PDB file of N, CA and C in Angstrom:
ATOM      1  N   MET A   1      11.245   6.632 -18.460  1.00  0.00           N
ATOM      2  CA  MET A   1      10.853   5.879 -17.275  1.00  0.00           C
ATOM      3  C   MET A   1      10.332   4.608 -17.848  1.00  0.00           C
ATOM      4  N   PRO A   2      10.686   3.463 -17.415  1.00  0.00           N
ATOM      5  CA  PRO A   2      10.118   2.251 -17.960  1.00  0.00           C
ATOM      6  C   PRO A   2       8.759   1.849 -17.436  1.00  0.00           C
ATOM      7  N   PRO A   3       7.976   1.089 -18.238  1.00  0.00           N
ATOM      8  CA  PRO A   3       6.543   0.683 -17.698  1.00  0.00           C
ATOM      9  C   PRO A   3       6.783  -0.039 -16.322  1.00  0.00           C
ATOM     10  N   SER A   4       5.766  -0.130 -15.553  1.00  0.00           N
ATOM     11  CA  SER A   4       6.003  -0.847 -14.245  1.00  0.00           C
ATOM     12  C   SER A   4       5.104  -2.007 -14.132  1.00  0.00           C
ATOM     13  N   SER A   5       4.474  -2.361 -15.125  1.00  0.00           N
ATOM     14  CA  SER A   5       3.618  -3.630 -15.114  1.00  0.00           C
ATOM     15  C   SER A   5       4.341  -4.686 -15.970  1.00  0.00           C
ATOM     16  N   THR A   6       4.246  -5.980 -15.395  1.00  0.00           N
ATOM     17  CA  THR A   6       4.824  -7.062 -16.270  1.00  0.00           C
ATOM     18  C   THR A   6       3.696  -7.603 -17.101  1.00  0.00           C
ATOM     19  N   THR A   7       2.406  -7.324 -16.958  1.00  0.00           N
ATOM     20  CA  THR A   7       1.482  -7.876 -17.739  1.00  0.00           C
ATOM     21  C   THR A   7       0.703  -6.909 -18.781  1.00  0.00           C
ATOM     22  N   ASP A   8       1.069  -5.648 -18.498  1.00  0.00           N
ATOM     23  CA  ASP A   8       0.508  -4.592 -19.593  1.00  0.00           C
ATOM     24  C   ASP A   8       1.732  -3.628 -19.646  1.00  0.00           C
ATOM     25  N   PRO A   9       2.236  -3.377 -20.927  1.00  0.00           N
ATOM     26  CA  PRO A   9       3.469  -2.710 -20.994  1.00  0.00           C
ATOM     27  C   PRO A   9       3.115  -1.178 -21.047  1.00  0.00           C
ATOM     28  N   ILE A  10       1.920  -0.765 -21.135  1.00  0.00           N
ATOM     29  CA  ILE A  10       1.449   0.669 -21.257  1.00  0.00           C
ATOM     30  C   ILE A  10       1.409   1.181 -19.838  1.00  0.00           C
ATOM     31  N   VAL A  11       1.196   0.414 -18.824  1.00  0.00           N
ATOM     32  CA  VAL A  11       0.919   0.902 -17.325  1.00  0.00           C
ATOM     33  C   VAL A  11       2.242   1.137 -16.935  1.00  0.00           C
ATOM     34  N   GLY A  12       2.341   2.354 -16.270  1.00  0.00           N
ATOM     35  CA  GLY A  12       3.670   2.848 -15.762  1.00  0.00           C
ATOM     36  C   GLY A  12       3.720   4.374 -15.560  1.00  0.00           C
ATOM     37  N   ARG A  13       4.894   4.842 -15.205  1.00  0.00           N
ATOM     38  CA  ARG A  13       5.099   6.358 -15.139  1.00  0.00           C
ATOM     39  C   ARG A  13       6.043   6.682 -16.240  1.00  0.00           C
ATOM     40  N   TYR A  14       5.569   7.779 -16.914  1.00  0.00           N
ATOM     41  CA  TYR A  14       6.269   8.307 -18.096  1.00  0.00           C
ATOM     42  C   TYR A  14       6.627   9.860 -18.017  1.00  0.00           C
ATOM     43  N   ARG A  15       7.409  10.317 -18.993  1.00  0.00           N
ATOM     44  CA  ARG A  15       7.578  11.809 -18.967  1.00  0.00           C
ATOM     45  C   ARG A  15       6.774  12.229 -20.258  1.00  0.00           C
ATOM     46  N   LEU A  16       5.814  12.901 -20.201  1.00  0.00           N
ATOM     47  CA  LEU A  16       4.865  13.499 -21.217  1.00  0.00           C
ATOM     48  C   LEU A  16       5.413  14.859 -21.644  1.00  0.00           C
ATOM     49  N   ASN A  17       5.791  15.029 -22.831  1.00  0.00           N
ATOM     50  CA  ASN A  17       5.996  16.406 -23.341  1.00  0.00           C
ATOM     51  C   ASN A  17       5.087  16.776 -24.459  1.00  0.00           C
ATOM     52  N   LEU A  18       4.450  17.839 -24.138  1.00  0.00           N
ATOM     53  CA  LEU A  18       3.394  18.509 -25.133  1.00  0.00           C
ATOM     54  C   LEU A  18       3.980  19.773 -25.732  1.00  0.00           C
ATOM     55  N   THR A  19       3.789  19.842 -26.982  1.00  0.00           N
ATOM     56  CA  THR A  19       4.300  21.042 -27.841  1.00  0.00           C
ATOM     57  C   THR A  19       3.009  21.492 -28.623  1.00  0.00           C
ATOM     58  N   VAL A  20       2.697  22.757 -28.506  1.00  0.00           N
ATOM     59  CA  VAL A  20       1.624  23.272 -29.237  1.00  0.00           C
ATOM     60  C   VAL A  20       2.177  23.640 -30.604  1.00  0.00           C
ATOM     61  N   GLY A  21       1.435  23.332 -31.712  1.00  0.00           N
ATOM     62  CA  GLY A  21       1.893  23.659 -33.128  1.00  0.00           C
ATOM     63  C   GLY A  21       1.558  24.832 -33.510  1.00  0.00           C
ATOM     64  N   ALA A  22       1.921  25.133 -34.787  1.00  0.00           N
ATOM     65  CA  ALA A  22       1.614  26.388 -35.378  1.00  0.00           C
ATOM     66  C   ALA A  22       0.206  26.704 -35.532  1.00  0.00           C
ATOM     67  N   GLY A  23      -0.057  27.865 -35.601  1.00  0.00           N
ATOM     68  CA  GLY A  23      -1.671  28.230 -35.608  1.00  0.00           C
ATOM     69  C   GLY A  23      -2.184  28.536 -34.294  1.00  0.00           C
ATOM     70  N   CYS A  24      -1.495  28.437 -33.166  1.00  0.00           N
ATOM     71  CA  CYS A  24      -1.963  28.746 -31.851  1.00  0.00           C
ATOM     72  C   CYS A  24      -1.352  30.042 -31.194  1.00  0.00           C
ATOM     73  N   GLU A  25      -1.302  31.011 -31.902  1.00  0.00           N
ATOM     74  CA  GLU A  25      -0.626  32.069 -31.470  1.00  0.00           C
ATOM     75  C   GLU A  25      -1.133  32.759 -30.224  1.00  0.00           C
ATOM     76  N   GLY A  26      -2.402  32.504 -29.834  1.00  0.00           N
ATOM     77  CA  GLY A  26      -2.981  33.073 -28.678  1.00  0.00           C
ATOM     78  C   GLY A  26      -2.572  32.257 -27.540  1.00  0.00           C
ATOM     79  N   ILE A  27      -1.854  31.288 -27.497  1.00  0.00           N
ATOM     80  CA  ILE A  27      -1.159  30.571 -26.344  1.00  0.00           C
ATOM     81  C   ILE A  27       0.075  31.178 -25.884  1.00  0.00           C
ATOM     82  N   PRO A  28       0.203  31.478 -24.678  1.00  0.00           N
ATOM     83  CA  PRO A  28       1.488  32.141 -24.287  1.00  0.00           C
ATOM     84  C   PRO A  28       2.759  31.232 -24.503  1.00  0.00           C
ATOM     85  N   GLN A  29       3.915  31.942 -24.836  1.00  0.00           N
ATOM     86  CA  GLN A  29       5.183  31.046 -25.200  1.00  0.00           C
ATOM     87  C   GLN A  29       5.530  30.036 -24.197  1.00  0.00           C
ATOM     88  N   ALA A  30       5.249  30.427 -22.849  1.00  0.00           N
ATOM     89  CA  ALA A  30       5.621  29.578 -21.702  1.00  0.00           C
ATOM     90  C   ALA A  30       4.837  28.261 -21.696  1.00  0.00           C
ATOM     91  N   ALA A  31       3.577  28.304 -22.270  1.00  0.00           N
ATOM     92  CA  ALA A  31       2.590  27.223 -22.324  1.00  0.00           C
ATOM     93  C   ALA A  31       2.772  26.339 -23.576  1.00  0.00           C
ATOM     94  N   LYS A  32       3.635  26.715 -24.529  1.00  0.00           N
ATOM     95  CA  LYS A  32       3.684  26.023 -25.822  1.00  0.00           C
ATOM     96  C   LYS A  32       4.579  24.808 -25.729  1.00  0.00           C
ATOM     97  N   ASP A  33       5.366  24.640 -24.684  1.00  0.00           N
ATOM     98  CA  ASP A  33       6.229  23.514 -24.713  1.00  0.00           C
ATOM     99  C   ASP A  33       6.374  23.130 -23.231  1.00  0.00           C
ATOM    100  N   VAL A  34       5.649  22.135 -22.720  1.00  0.00           N
ATOM    101  CA  VAL A  34       5.546  21.754 -21.396  1.00  0.00           C
ATOM    102  C   VAL A  34       5.736  20.272 -21.230  1.00  0.00           C
ATOM    103  N   ALA A  35       6.120  19.762 -20.040  1.00  0.00           N
ATOM    104  CA  ALA A  35       6.423  18.401 -19.773  1.00  0.00           C
ATOM    105  C   ALA A  35       5.834  18.107 -18.337  1.00  0.00           C
ATOM    106  N   TYR A  36       5.319  16.952 -18.203  1.00  0.00           N
ATOM    107  CA  TYR A  36       4.700  16.470 -17.086  1.00  0.00           C
ATOM    108  C   TYR A  36       5.163  14.996 -16.714  1.00  0.00           C
ATOM    109  N   THR A  37       5.162  14.708 -15.515  1.00  0.00           N
ATOM    110  CA  THR A  37       5.207  13.234 -15.047  1.00  0.00           C
ATOM    111  C   THR A  37       3.868  12.681 -15.269  1.00  0.00           C
ATOM    112  N   ALA A  38       3.666  11.486 -15.910  1.00  0.00           N
ATOM    113  CA  ALA A  38       2.338  10.941 -16.182  1.00  0.00           C
ATOM    114  C   ALA A  38       2.286   9.573 -15.717  1.00  0.00           C
ATOM    115  N   ASP A  39       1.234   9.198 -14.862  1.00  0.00           N
ATOM    116  CA  ASP A  39       1.083   7.902 -14.404  1.00  0.00           C
ATOM    117  C   ASP A  39      -0.031   7.202 -15.306  1.00  0.00           C
ATOM    118  N   VAL A  40       0.091   6.209 -15.916  1.00  0.00           N
ATOM    119  CA  VAL A  40      -0.819   5.489 -16.693  1.00  0.00           C
ATOM    120  C   VAL A  40      -1.320   4.197 -16.050  1.00  0.00           C
ATOM    121  N   GLU A  41      -2.576   4.003 -15.673  1.00  0.00           N
ATOM    122  CA  GLU A  41      -3.064   3.080 -14.883  1.00  0.00           C
ATOM    123  C   GLU A  41      -4.305   2.374 -15.545  1.00  0.00           C
ATOM    124  N   PRO A  42      -4.532   1.063 -15.458  1.00  0.00           N
ATOM    125  CA  PRO A  42      -5.711   0.464 -16.039  1.00  0.00           C
ATOM    126  C   PRO A  42      -7.001   0.985 -15.251  1.00  0.00           C
ATOM    127  N   ASP A  43      -8.067   1.117 -16.035  1.00  0.00           N
ATOM    128  CA  ASP A  43      -9.293   1.732 -15.487  1.00  0.00           C
ATOM    129  C   ASP A  43     -10.469   1.414 -16.339  1.00  0.00           C
ATOM    130  N   ALA A  44     -11.322   0.663 -15.946  1.00  0.00           N
ATOM    131  CA  ALA A  44     -12.664   0.353 -16.564  1.00  0.00           C
ATOM    132  C   ALA A  44     -12.568   0.117 -18.086  1.00  0.00           C
ATOM    133  N   GLY A  45     -11.788  -0.897 -18.265  1.00  0.00           N
ATOM    134  CA  GLY A  45     -11.522  -1.290 -19.864  1.00  0.00           C
ATOM    135  C   GLY A  45     -10.784  -0.335 -20.675  1.00  0.00           C
ATOM    136  N   GLY A  46     -10.146   0.672 -19.979  1.00  0.00           N
ATOM    137  CA  GLY A  46      -9.147   1.550 -20.709  1.00  0.00           C
ATOM    138  C   GLY A  46      -8.084   1.902 -19.761  1.00  0.00           C
ATOM    139  N   TYR A  47      -7.761   3.194 -19.674  1.00  0.00           N
ATOM    140  CA  TYR A  47      -6.645   3.790 -18.763  1.00  0.00           C
ATOM    141  C   TYR A  47      -7.032   5.110 -18.266  1.00  0.00           C
ATOM    142  N   SER A  48      -6.396   5.245 -17.101  1.00  0.00           N
ATOM    143  CA  SER A  48      -6.467   6.589 -16.455  1.00  0.00           C
ATOM    144  C   SER A  48      -5.187   7.240 -16.487  1.00  0.00           C
ATOM    145  N   VAL A  49      -5.024   8.409 -17.052  1.00  0.00           N
ATOM    146  CA  VAL A  49      -3.739   9.204 -16.981  1.00  0.00           C
ATOM    147  C   VAL A  49      -3.807  10.301 -16.095  1.00  0.00           C
ATOM    148  N   THR A  50      -2.828  10.342 -14.929  1.00  0.00           N
ATOM    149  CA  THR A  50      -2.677  11.320 -14.086  1.00  0.00           C
ATOM    150  C   THR A  50      -1.340  12.117 -14.279  1.00  0.00           C
ATOM    151  N   LEU A  51      -1.543  13.496 -14.331  1.00  0.00           N
ATOM    152  CA  LEU A  51      -0.407  14.392 -14.500  1.00  0.00           C
ATOM    153  C   LEU A  51       0.032  14.965 -13.196  1.00  0.00           C
ATOM    154  N   TYR A  52       1.227  15.100 -13.126  1.00  0.00           N
ATOM    155  CA  TYR A  52       2.059  15.683 -12.052  1.00  0.00           C
ATOM    156  C   TYR A  52       3.003  16.770 -12.483  1.00  0.00           C
ATOM    157  N   ASP A  53       3.508  17.624 -11.552  1.00  0.00           N
ATOM    158  CA  ASP A  53       4.580  18.563 -11.814  1.00  0.00           C
ATOM    159  C   ASP A  53       4.109  19.907 -12.354  1.00  0.00           C
ATOM    160  N   ALA A  54       2.815  20.357 -12.073  1.00  0.00           N
ATOM    161  CA  ALA A  54       2.249  21.528 -12.340  1.00  0.00           C
ATOM    162  C   ALA A  54       1.146  21.885 -11.380  1.00  0.00           C
ATOM    163  N   VAL A  55       0.710  23.145 -11.562  1.00  0.00           N
ATOM    164  CA  VAL A  55      -0.573  23.435 -10.726  1.00  0.00           C
ATOM    165  C   VAL A  55      -1.678  23.305 -11.840  1.00  0.00           C
ATOM    166  N   PHE A  56      -2.775  22.631 -11.522  1.00  0.00           N
ATOM    167  CA  PHE A  56      -3.987  22.382 -12.198  1.00  0.00           C
ATOM    168  C   PHE A  56      -5.209  23.016 -11.703  1.00  0.00           C
ATOM    169  N   TRP A  57      -6.201  23.312 -12.601  1.00  0.00           N
ATOM    170  CA  TRP A  57      -7.350  23.865 -11.953  1.00  0.00           C
ATOM    171  C   TRP A  57      -8.053  22.863 -11.006  1.00  0.00           C
ATOM    172  N   GLY A  58      -8.759  23.298 -10.103  1.00  0.00           N
ATOM    173  CA  GLY A  58      -9.407  22.419  -9.185  1.00  0.00           C
ATOM    174  C   GLY A  58     -10.772  22.902  -8.830  1.00  0.00           C
ATOM    175  N   ASN A  59     -11.811  22.703  -9.519  1.00  0.00           N
ATOM    176  CA  ASN A  59     -13.153  23.284  -9.126  1.00  0.00           C
ATOM    177  C   ASN A  59     -14.142  22.425  -9.929  1.00  0.00           C
ATOM    178  N   LEU A  60     -15.358  22.889 -10.004  1.00  0.00           N
ATOM    179  CA  LEU A  60     -16.415  22.240 -10.560  1.00  0.00           C
ATOM    180  C   LEU A  60     -16.260  21.905 -12.094  1.00  0.00           C
ATOM    181  N   SER A  61     -15.358  22.829 -12.775  1.00  0.00           N
ATOM    182  CA  SER A  61     -15.395  22.655 -14.188  1.00  0.00           C
ATOM    183  C   SER A  61     -14.635  21.320 -14.543  1.00  0.00           C
ATOM    184  N   CYS A  62     -14.037  20.655 -13.476  1.00  0.00           N
ATOM    185  CA  CYS A  62     -13.309  19.354 -13.667  1.00  0.00           C
ATOM    186  C   CYS A  62     -14.123  18.246 -13.486  1.00  0.00           C
ATOM    187  N   ARG A  63     -15.302  18.379 -13.051  1.00  0.00           N
ATOM    188  CA  ARG A  63     -16.299  17.319 -12.815  1.00  0.00           C
ATOM    189  C   ARG A  63     -16.747  16.684 -14.185  1.00  0.00           C
ATOM    190  N   ASN A  64     -16.138  15.630 -14.596  1.00  0.00           N
ATOM    191  CA  ASN A  64     -16.579  14.894 -15.912  1.00  0.00           C
ATOM    192  C   ASN A  64     -16.976  13.402 -15.262  1.00  0.00           C
ATOM    193  N   PRO A  65     -18.373  13.327 -15.720  1.00  0.00           N
ATOM    194  CA  PRO A  65     -18.848  11.990 -15.221  1.00  0.00           C
ATOM    195  C   PRO A  65     -18.255  10.813 -15.989  1.00  0.00           C
ATOM    196  N   TRP A  66     -17.530  11.063 -17.037  1.00  0.00           N
ATOM    197  CA  TRP A  66     -16.846   9.918 -17.749  1.00  0.00           C
ATOM    198  C   TRP A  66     -15.498   9.573 -17.101  1.00  0.00           C
ATOM    199  N   SER A  67     -15.009  10.572 -16.260  1.00  0.00           N
ATOM    200  CA  SER A  67     -13.756  10.371 -15.627  1.00  0.00           C
ATOM    201  C   SER A  67     -13.903  10.790 -14.193  1.00  0.00           C
ATOM    202  N   PRO A  68     -14.723  10.204 -13.459  1.00  0.00           N
ATOM    203  CA  PRO A  68     -15.137  10.708 -12.005  1.00  0.00           C
ATOM    204  C   PRO A  68     -13.909  10.752 -11.111  1.00  0.00           C
ATOM    205  N   GLN A  69     -13.994  11.812 -10.090  1.00  0.00           N
ATOM    206  CA  GLN A  69     -13.074  12.023  -9.088  1.00  0.00           C
ATOM    207  C   GLN A  69     -13.807  12.167  -7.858  1.00  0.00           C
ATOM    208  N   SER A  70     -13.293  11.574  -6.746  1.00  0.00           N
ATOM    209  CA  SER A  70     -13.822  11.778  -5.638  1.00  0.00           C
ATOM    210  C   SER A  70     -13.367  13.114  -4.675  1.00  0.00           C
ATOM    211  N   GLY A  71     -14.003  13.673  -3.850  1.00  0.00           N
ATOM    212  CA  GLY A  71     -13.492  14.830  -3.208  1.00  0.00           C
ATOM    213  C   GLY A  71     -13.544  16.088  -4.082  1.00  0.00           C
ATOM    214  N   THR A  72     -12.556  16.883  -3.942  1.00  0.00           N
ATOM    215  CA  THR A  72     -12.456  18.053  -4.801  1.00  0.00           C
ATOM    216  C   THR A  72     -11.702  17.639  -6.104  1.00  0.00           C
ATOM    217  N   ALA A  73     -12.398  17.881  -7.130  1.00  0.00           N
ATOM    218  CA  ALA A  73     -11.860  17.463  -8.441  1.00  0.00           C
ATOM    219  C   ALA A  73     -10.681  18.362  -8.903  1.00  0.00           C
ATOM    220  N   THR A  74      -9.753  17.716  -9.518  1.00  0.00           N
ATOM    221  CA  THR A  74      -8.508  18.316 -10.122  1.00  0.00           C
ATOM    222  C   THR A  74      -8.401  17.986 -11.502  1.00  0.00           C
ATOM    223  N   CYS A  75      -8.085  19.073 -12.245  1.00  0.00           N
ATOM    224  CA  CYS A  75      -7.976  18.925 -13.713  1.00  0.00           C
ATOM    225  C   CYS A  75      -6.758  18.171 -14.216  1.00  0.00           C
ATOM    226  N   ASN A  76      -6.148  17.321 -13.506  1.00  0.00           N
ATOM    227  CA  ASN A  76      -4.879  16.661 -13.908  1.00  0.00           C
ATOM    228  C   ASN A  76      -5.100  15.255 -14.363  1.00  0.00           C
ATOM    229  N   ARG A  77      -6.370  14.756 -14.622  1.00  0.00           N
ATOM    230  CA  ARG A  77      -6.648  13.440 -14.793  1.00  0.00           C
ATOM    231  C   ARG A  77      -7.675  13.332 -16.057  1.00  0.00           C
ATOM    232  N   PHE A  78      -7.270  12.327 -16.909  1.00  0.00           N
ATOM    233  CA  PHE A  78      -8.127  12.174 -18.057  1.00  0.00           C
ATOM    234  C   PHE A  78      -8.038  10.553 -18.552  1.00  0.00           C
ATOM    235  N   ARG A  79      -8.850  10.146 -19.381  1.00  0.00           N
ATOM    236  CA  ARG A  79      -8.910   8.771 -19.808  1.00  0.00           C
ATOM    237  C   ARG A  79      -8.106   8.784 -20.981  1.00  0.00           C
ATOM    238  N   ALA A  80      -7.634   7.310 -21.296  1.00  0.00           N
ATOM    239  CA  ALA A  80      -7.001   7.098 -22.473  1.00  0.00           C
ATOM    240  C   ALA A  80      -7.349   5.627 -23.067  1.00  0.00           C
ATOM    241  N   SER A  81      -7.311   5.350 -24.231  1.00  0.00           N
ATOM    242  CA  SER A  81      -7.362   4.016 -24.826  1.00  0.00           C
ATOM    243  C   SER A  81      -6.253   3.566 -25.553  1.00  0.00           C
ATOM    244  N   ARG A  82      -6.156   2.279 -25.827  1.00  0.00           N
ATOM    245  CA  ARG A  82      -5.027   1.600 -26.454  1.00  0.00           C
ATOM    246  C   ARG A  82      -5.379   1.021 -27.619  1.00  0.00           C
ATOM    247  N   THR A  83      -4.536   1.161 -28.643  1.00  0.00           N
ATOM    248  CA  THR A  83      -4.457   0.333 -29.948  1.00  0.00           C
ATOM    249  C   THR A  83      -3.121  -0.194 -30.138  1.00  0.00           C
ATOM    250  N   ASP A  84      -2.914  -1.399 -29.944  1.00  0.00           N
ATOM    251  CA  ASP A  84      -1.557  -2.018 -29.975  1.00  0.00           C
ATOM    252  C   ASP A  84      -0.637  -1.430 -28.949  1.00  0.00           C
ATOM    253  N   ASP A  85       0.491  -0.829 -29.302  1.00  0.00           N
ATOM    254  CA  ASP A  85       1.268  -0.138 -28.530  1.00  0.00           C
ATOM    255  C   ASP A  85       1.166   1.446 -28.353  1.00  0.00           C
ATOM    256  N   ALA A  86      -0.015   1.959 -29.123  1.00  0.00           N
ATOM    257  CA  ALA A  86      -0.283   3.341 -29.011  1.00  0.00           C
ATOM    258  C   ALA A  86      -1.243   3.661 -28.008  1.00  0.00           C
ATOM    259  N   LEU A  87      -1.198   4.891 -27.395  1.00  0.00           N
ATOM    260  CA  LEU A  87      -1.983   5.275 -26.392  1.00  0.00           C
ATOM    261  C   LEU A  87      -2.729   6.597 -26.931  1.00  0.00           C
ATOM    262  N   ARG A  88      -4.153   6.594 -26.957  1.00  0.00           N
ATOM    263  CA  ARG A  88      -4.782   7.727 -27.317  1.00  0.00           C
ATOM    264  C   ARG A  88      -5.364   8.519 -26.150  1.00  0.00           C
ATOM    265  N   PHE A  89      -5.140   9.795 -26.005  1.00  0.00           N
ATOM    266  CA  PHE A  89      -5.689  10.549 -24.857  1.00  0.00           C
ATOM    267  C   PHE A  89      -7.094  11.018 -25.168  1.00  0.00           C
ATOM    268  N   ASP A  90      -8.032  10.778 -24.364  1.00  0.00           N
ATOM    269  CA  ASP A  90      -9.501  11.023 -24.577  1.00  0.00           C
ATOM    270  C   ASP A  90      -9.880  12.284 -23.501  1.00  0.00           C
ATOM    271  N   PHE A  91      -9.875  13.365 -24.115  1.00  0.00           N
ATOM    272  CA  PHE A  91     -10.247  14.679 -23.215  1.00  0.00           C
ATOM    273  C   PHE A  91     -11.680  14.850 -23.118  1.00  0.00           C
ATOM    274  N   MET A  92     -12.558  14.234 -23.857  1.00  0.00           N
ATOM    275  CA  MET A  92     -14.011  14.470 -23.842  1.00  0.00           C
ATOM    276  C   MET A  92     -14.606  13.059 -23.767  1.00  0.00           C
ATOM    277  N   SER A  93     -15.822  13.043 -23.317  1.00  0.00           N
ATOM    278  CA  SER A  93     -16.556  11.782 -23.386  1.00  0.00           C
ATOM    279  C   SER A  93     -16.937  11.432 -24.734  1.00  0.00           C
ATOM    280  N   PRO A  94     -17.183  10.269 -25.048  1.00  0.00           N
ATOM    281  CA  PRO A  94     -17.311   9.700 -26.373  1.00  0.00           C
ATOM    282  C   PRO A  94     -18.613  10.234 -26.821  1.00  0.00           C
ATOM    283  N   ASP A  95     -19.502  10.826 -26.241  1.00  0.00           N
ATOM    284  CA  ASP A  95     -20.843  11.419 -26.893  1.00  0.00           C
ATOM    285  C   ASP A  95     -20.499  12.909 -27.198  1.00  0.00           C
ATOM    286  N   GLU A  96     -19.321  13.490 -26.985  1.00  0.00           N
ATOM    287  CA  GLU A  96     -19.236  14.929 -27.264  1.00  0.00           C
ATOM    288  C   GLU A  96     -18.415  15.076 -28.551  1.00  0.00           C
TER     289      GLU A  96
END
């Protein structure tokens, strides 16, 4: 899927494929190779990534002040930062 912004080539909708590497035998086989639709949007000097196409946790464990959500929090959103044309996913706050 092509980027959707003419001013920022990172912003847009993508297909994100995640593959678990060797050494993670405790993860079920069905969870070792997954794909999501991912929307990348500008957010507070970085980016916000929202995943779709799966069932995600939705409770207090998803309340991260570094990536706030209004209403009932859902664990399908995280922050990202950019260096040139590479996007780095940030799953924890910078202080952790």
